[in-house]
């Protein structure tokens, strides 16, 4: 997860999308739909990354309205780096 986060910080949409997948599936971090949605949203970017758009739309079908509202709140440049992540290089 560390390297994906570093690439995502450099506005690399494929890494941002992958972080969304990792949060959605609970791979390398605790499963968190809100964080996944935020990463997918960042990955869509100006060029509308079709994979991130599709992932975000599919995830939204499994989220509650409150979760979606929370994910859409302004959050700065990147989603939070919470303490639920595991150390994986």
N, C-alpha and C. Protein backbone atom coordinates (compact mmCIF):
# COMPACT_ATOMS: atom_id res chain seq x y z
N UNK A 1 0.83 -1.18 0.00
CA UNK A 1 0.00 0.00 0.00
C UNK A 1 0.88 1.25 0.00
N UNK A 2 2.03 1.16 0.60
CA UNK A 2 2.93 2.31 0.71
C UNK A 2 3.26 2.90 -0.66
N UNK A 3 3.60 2.05 -1.62
CA UNK A 3 4.01 2.54 -2.94
C UNK A 3 2.83 3.09 -3.73
N UNK A 4 1.67 2.48 -3.58
CA UNK A 4 0.48 3.02 -4.23
C UNK A 4 0.16 4.40 -3.68
N UNK A 5 0.31 4.57 -2.36
CA UNK A 5 0.03 5.87 -1.74
C UNK A 5 1.02 6.92 -2.24
N UNK A 6 2.29 6.55 -2.39
CA UNK A 6 3.29 7.50 -2.89
C UNK A 6 2.96 7.92 -4.32
N UNK A 7 2.59 6.95 -5.15
CA UNK A 7 2.22 7.27 -6.53
C UNK A 7 0.93 8.09 -6.59
N UNK A 8 -0.02 7.78 -5.73
CA UNK A 8 -1.28 8.52 -5.68
C UNK A 8 -1.03 9.97 -5.30
N UNK A 9 -0.08 10.19 -4.41
CA UNK A 9 0.26 11.55 -3.98
C UNK A 9 0.84 12.37 -5.13
N UNK A 10 1.35 11.69 -6.14
CA UNK A 10 1.88 12.35 -7.34
C UNK A 10 0.80 12.47 -8.42
N UNK A 11 -0.47 12.32 -8.02
CA UNK A 11 -1.62 12.43 -8.93
C UNK A 11 -1.61 11.37 -10.03
N UNK A 12 -1.15 10.17 -9.70
CA UNK A 12 -1.16 9.06 -10.65
C UNK A 12 -2.50 8.34 -10.51
N UNK A 13 -3.41 8.50 -11.49
CA UNK A 13 -4.77 7.98 -11.33
C UNK A 13 -4.87 6.47 -11.20
N UNK A 14 -3.98 5.72 -11.82
CA UNK A 14 -4.04 4.27 -11.67
C UNK A 14 -3.74 3.84 -10.24
N UNK A 15 -2.82 4.53 -9.58
CA UNK A 15 -2.53 4.24 -8.18
C UNK A 15 -3.70 4.66 -7.30
N UNK A 16 -4.33 5.79 -7.60
CA UNK A 16 -5.49 6.23 -6.83
C UNK A 16 -6.62 5.22 -6.96
N UNK A 17 -6.84 4.73 -8.18
CA UNK A 17 -7.87 3.73 -8.41
C UNK A 17 -7.55 2.45 -7.64
N UNK A 18 -6.28 2.04 -7.66
CA UNK A 18 -5.87 0.83 -6.95
C UNK A 18 -6.08 0.98 -5.45
N UNK A 19 -5.79 2.15 -4.91
CA UNK A 19 -6.05 2.37 -3.48
C UNK A 19 -7.55 2.24 -3.19
N UNK A 20 -8.37 2.72 -4.11
CA UNK A 20 -9.82 2.54 -3.95
C UNK A 20 -10.19 1.08 -3.89
N UNK A 21 -9.61 0.28 -4.76
CA UNK A 21 -9.87 -1.16 -4.77
C UNK A 21 -9.42 -1.79 -3.45
N UNK A 22 -8.25 -1.38 -2.98
CA UNK A 22 -7.71 -1.95 -1.75
C UNK A 22 -8.61 -1.64 -0.55
N UNK A 23 -9.09 -0.40 -0.47
CA UNK A 23 -10.01 -0.05 0.62
C UNK A 23 -11.36 -0.75 0.44
N UNK A 24 -11.83 -0.84 -0.78
CA UNK A 24 -13.12 -1.49 -1.01
C UNK A 24 -13.07 -2.96 -0.61
N UNK A 25 -11.99 -3.64 -0.94
CA UNK A 25 -11.86 -5.08 -0.68
C UNK A 25 -11.23 -5.41 0.67
N UNK A 26 -10.64 -4.41 1.33
CA UNK A 26 -9.96 -4.67 2.60
C UNK A 26 -8.60 -5.32 2.40
N UNK A 27 -7.90 -4.92 1.36
CA UNK A 27 -6.58 -5.48 1.04
C UNK A 27 -5.49 -4.51 1.50
N UNK A 28 -4.76 -4.86 2.55
CA UNK A 28 -3.71 -3.99 3.06
C UNK A 28 -4.21 -2.90 3.98
N UNK A 29 -5.50 -2.81 4.14
CA UNK A 29 -6.14 -1.83 5.04
C UNK A 29 -7.50 -2.39 5.41
N UNK A 30 -8.06 -1.88 6.48
CA UNK A 30 -9.42 -2.29 6.85
C UNK A 30 -10.38 -1.86 5.75
N UNK A 31 -11.37 -2.68 5.48
CA UNK A 31 -12.37 -2.35 4.47
C UNK A 31 -13.07 -1.05 4.86
N UNK A 32 -13.11 -0.11 3.92
CA UNK A 32 -13.70 1.19 4.20
C UNK A 32 -14.28 1.75 2.90
N UNK A 33 -15.59 1.64 2.75
CA UNK A 33 -16.24 2.10 1.52
C UNK A 33 -16.10 3.60 1.32
N UNK A 34 -16.13 4.36 2.40
CA UNK A 34 -16.02 5.82 2.28
C UNK A 34 -14.65 6.19 1.72
N UNK A 35 -13.59 5.61 2.26
CA UNK A 35 -12.25 5.89 1.75
C UNK A 35 -12.11 5.41 0.30
N UNK A 36 -12.67 4.24 0.00
CA UNK A 36 -12.62 3.73 -1.37
C UNK A 36 -13.29 4.70 -2.34
N UNK A 37 -14.46 5.18 -1.97
CA UNK A 37 -15.19 6.13 -2.81
C UNK A 37 -14.37 7.40 -3.04
N UNK A 38 -13.72 7.88 -1.97
CA UNK A 38 -12.89 9.08 -2.10
C UNK A 38 -11.73 8.85 -3.06
N UNK A 39 -11.07 7.70 -2.95
CA UNK A 39 -9.95 7.42 -3.86
C UNK A 39 -10.44 7.28 -5.29
N UNK A 40 -11.57 6.60 -5.50
CA UNK A 40 -12.12 6.49 -6.86
C UNK A 40 -12.44 7.87 -7.43
N UNK A 41 -12.98 8.75 -6.59
CA UNK A 41 -13.31 10.10 -7.04
C UNK A 41 -12.04 10.84 -7.46
N UNK A 42 -10.99 10.74 -6.67
CA UNK A 42 -9.72 11.37 -7.05
C UNK A 42 -9.19 10.79 -8.36
N UNK A 43 -9.33 9.48 -8.52
CA UNK A 43 -8.81 8.82 -9.72
C UNK A 43 -9.57 9.22 -10.97
N UNK A 44 -10.83 9.62 -10.84
CA UNK A 44 -11.58 10.03 -12.03
C UNK A 44 -10.95 11.27 -12.64
N UNK A 45 -10.52 12.19 -11.79
CA UNK A 45 -9.76 13.35 -12.24
C UNK A 45 -10.37 14.10 -13.40
N UNK A 46 -9.54 14.86 -14.04
CA UNK A 46 -9.99 15.68 -15.17
C UNK A 46 -10.26 14.85 -16.41
N UNK A 47 -9.61 13.71 -16.53
CA UNK A 47 -9.75 12.90 -17.75
C UNK A 47 -10.82 11.82 -17.62
N UNK A 48 -11.53 11.80 -16.50
CA UNK A 48 -12.59 10.82 -16.26
C UNK A 48 -12.12 9.39 -16.54
N UNK A 49 -11.19 8.92 -15.73
CA UNK A 49 -10.68 7.56 -15.80
C UNK A 49 -11.87 6.59 -15.76
N UNK A 50 -12.10 5.87 -16.85
CA UNK A 50 -13.30 5.04 -16.96
C UNK A 50 -13.33 3.91 -15.94
N UNK A 51 -12.17 3.39 -15.56
CA UNK A 51 -12.14 2.32 -14.56
C UNK A 51 -12.57 2.85 -13.20
N UNK A 52 -12.06 4.01 -12.85
CA UNK A 52 -12.42 4.61 -11.55
C UNK A 52 -13.90 4.98 -11.52
N UNK A 53 -14.40 5.51 -12.62
CA UNK A 53 -15.82 5.87 -12.69
C UNK A 53 -16.68 4.62 -12.51
N UNK A 54 -16.34 3.55 -13.20
CA UNK A 54 -17.10 2.30 -13.10
C UNK A 54 -17.00 1.71 -11.69
N UNK A 55 -15.81 1.74 -11.11
CA UNK A 55 -15.64 1.22 -9.75
C UNK A 55 -16.45 2.03 -8.75
N UNK A 56 -16.41 3.36 -8.89
CA UNK A 56 -17.15 4.21 -7.96
C UNK A 56 -18.66 3.98 -8.09
N UNK A 57 -19.16 3.86 -9.31
CA UNK A 57 -20.59 3.65 -9.50
C UNK A 57 -21.03 2.30 -8.93
N UNK A 58 -20.23 1.26 -9.13
CA UNK A 58 -20.57 -0.06 -8.59
C UNK A 58 -20.53 -0.04 -7.06
N UNK A 59 -19.55 0.63 -6.50
CA UNK A 59 -19.45 0.73 -5.04
C UNK A 59 -20.62 1.50 -4.47
N UNK A 60 -21.03 2.56 -5.11
CA UNK A 60 -22.13 3.39 -4.62
C UNK A 60 -23.42 2.59 -4.45
N UNK A 61 -23.59 1.54 -5.25
CA UNK A 61 -24.78 0.69 -5.13
C UNK A 61 -24.80 -0.09 -3.82
N UNK A 62 -23.64 -0.26 -3.20
CA UNK A 62 -23.55 -1.01 -1.94
C UNK A 62 -23.41 -0.10 -0.72
N UNK A 63 -23.39 1.20 -0.95
CA UNK A 63 -23.21 2.15 0.14
C UNK A 63 -24.55 2.74 0.59
N UNK A 64 -24.60 3.17 1.83
CA UNK A 64 -25.79 3.87 2.32
C UNK A 64 -25.71 5.33 1.86
N UNK A 65 -26.85 6.01 1.85
CA UNK A 65 -26.82 7.44 1.50
C UNK A 65 -25.90 8.25 2.42
N UNK A 66 -25.87 7.89 3.70
CA UNK A 66 -24.98 8.60 4.64
C UNK A 66 -23.52 8.39 4.29
N UNK A 67 -23.14 7.16 3.90
CA UNK A 67 -21.76 6.90 3.52
C UNK A 67 -21.37 7.71 2.28
N UNK A 68 -22.27 7.78 1.31
CA UNK A 68 -21.99 8.54 0.09
C UNK A 68 -21.84 10.02 0.43
N UNK A 69 -22.72 10.54 1.27
CA UNK A 69 -22.62 11.95 1.67
C UNK A 69 -21.31 12.22 2.38
N UNK A 70 -20.90 11.31 3.25
CA UNK A 70 -19.62 11.47 3.96
C UNK A 70 -18.45 11.45 2.98
N UNK A 71 -18.51 10.57 2.00
CA UNK A 71 -17.43 10.46 1.02
C UNK A 71 -17.34 11.70 0.12
N UNK A 72 -18.45 12.37 -0.07
CA UNK A 72 -18.48 13.54 -0.95
C UNK A 72 -18.09 14.84 -0.24
N UNK A 73 -17.96 14.79 1.07
CA UNK A 73 -17.56 16.00 1.80
C UNK A 73 -16.15 16.39 1.39
N UNK A 74 -15.87 17.69 1.34
CA UNK A 74 -14.51 18.12 1.01
C UNK A 74 -13.51 17.48 1.96
N UNK A 75 -12.43 17.01 1.39
CA UNK A 75 -11.45 16.28 2.20
C UNK A 75 -10.02 16.67 1.89
N UNK A 76 -9.81 17.82 1.29
CA UNK A 76 -8.44 18.20 0.95
C UNK A 76 -8.00 17.52 -0.33
N UNK A 77 -6.72 17.37 -0.49
CA UNK A 77 -6.20 16.83 -1.74
C UNK A 77 -6.26 15.31 -1.81
N UNK A 78 -6.21 14.65 -0.65
CA UNK A 78 -6.23 13.19 -0.65
C UNK A 78 -7.01 12.67 0.54
N UNK A 79 -7.57 11.46 0.40
CA UNK A 79 -8.23 10.85 1.56
C UNK A 79 -7.26 10.68 2.72
N UNK A 80 -7.81 10.47 3.89
CA UNK A 80 -6.98 10.38 5.08
C UNK A 80 -6.13 9.12 5.10
N UNK A 81 -5.03 9.20 5.80
CA UNK A 81 -4.17 8.06 6.04
C UNK A 81 -4.46 7.61 7.46
N UNK A 82 -5.41 6.71 7.62
CA UNK A 82 -5.84 6.35 8.97
C UNK A 82 -4.98 5.26 9.58
N UNK A 83 -5.19 5.02 10.85
CA UNK A 83 -4.37 4.06 11.60
C UNK A 83 -4.79 2.62 11.35
N UNK A 84 -5.80 2.38 10.50
CA UNK A 84 -6.25 1.02 10.27
C UNK A 84 -5.42 0.31 9.21
N UNK A 85 -4.50 1.00 8.60
CA UNK A 85 -3.69 0.37 7.56
C UNK A 85 -2.65 -0.56 8.16
N UNK A 86 -2.39 -1.61 7.42
CA UNK A 86 -1.35 -2.53 7.80
C UNK A 86 -0.07 -2.14 7.11
N UNK A 87 1.02 -2.54 7.64
CA UNK A 87 2.32 -2.23 7.03
C UNK A 87 2.57 -3.23 5.91
N UNK A 88 2.53 -2.75 4.68
CA UNK A 88 2.85 -3.62 3.53
C UNK A 88 3.58 -2.80 2.50
N UNK A 89 4.74 -3.24 2.17
CA UNK A 89 5.57 -2.51 1.21
C UNK A 89 5.40 -3.06 -0.14
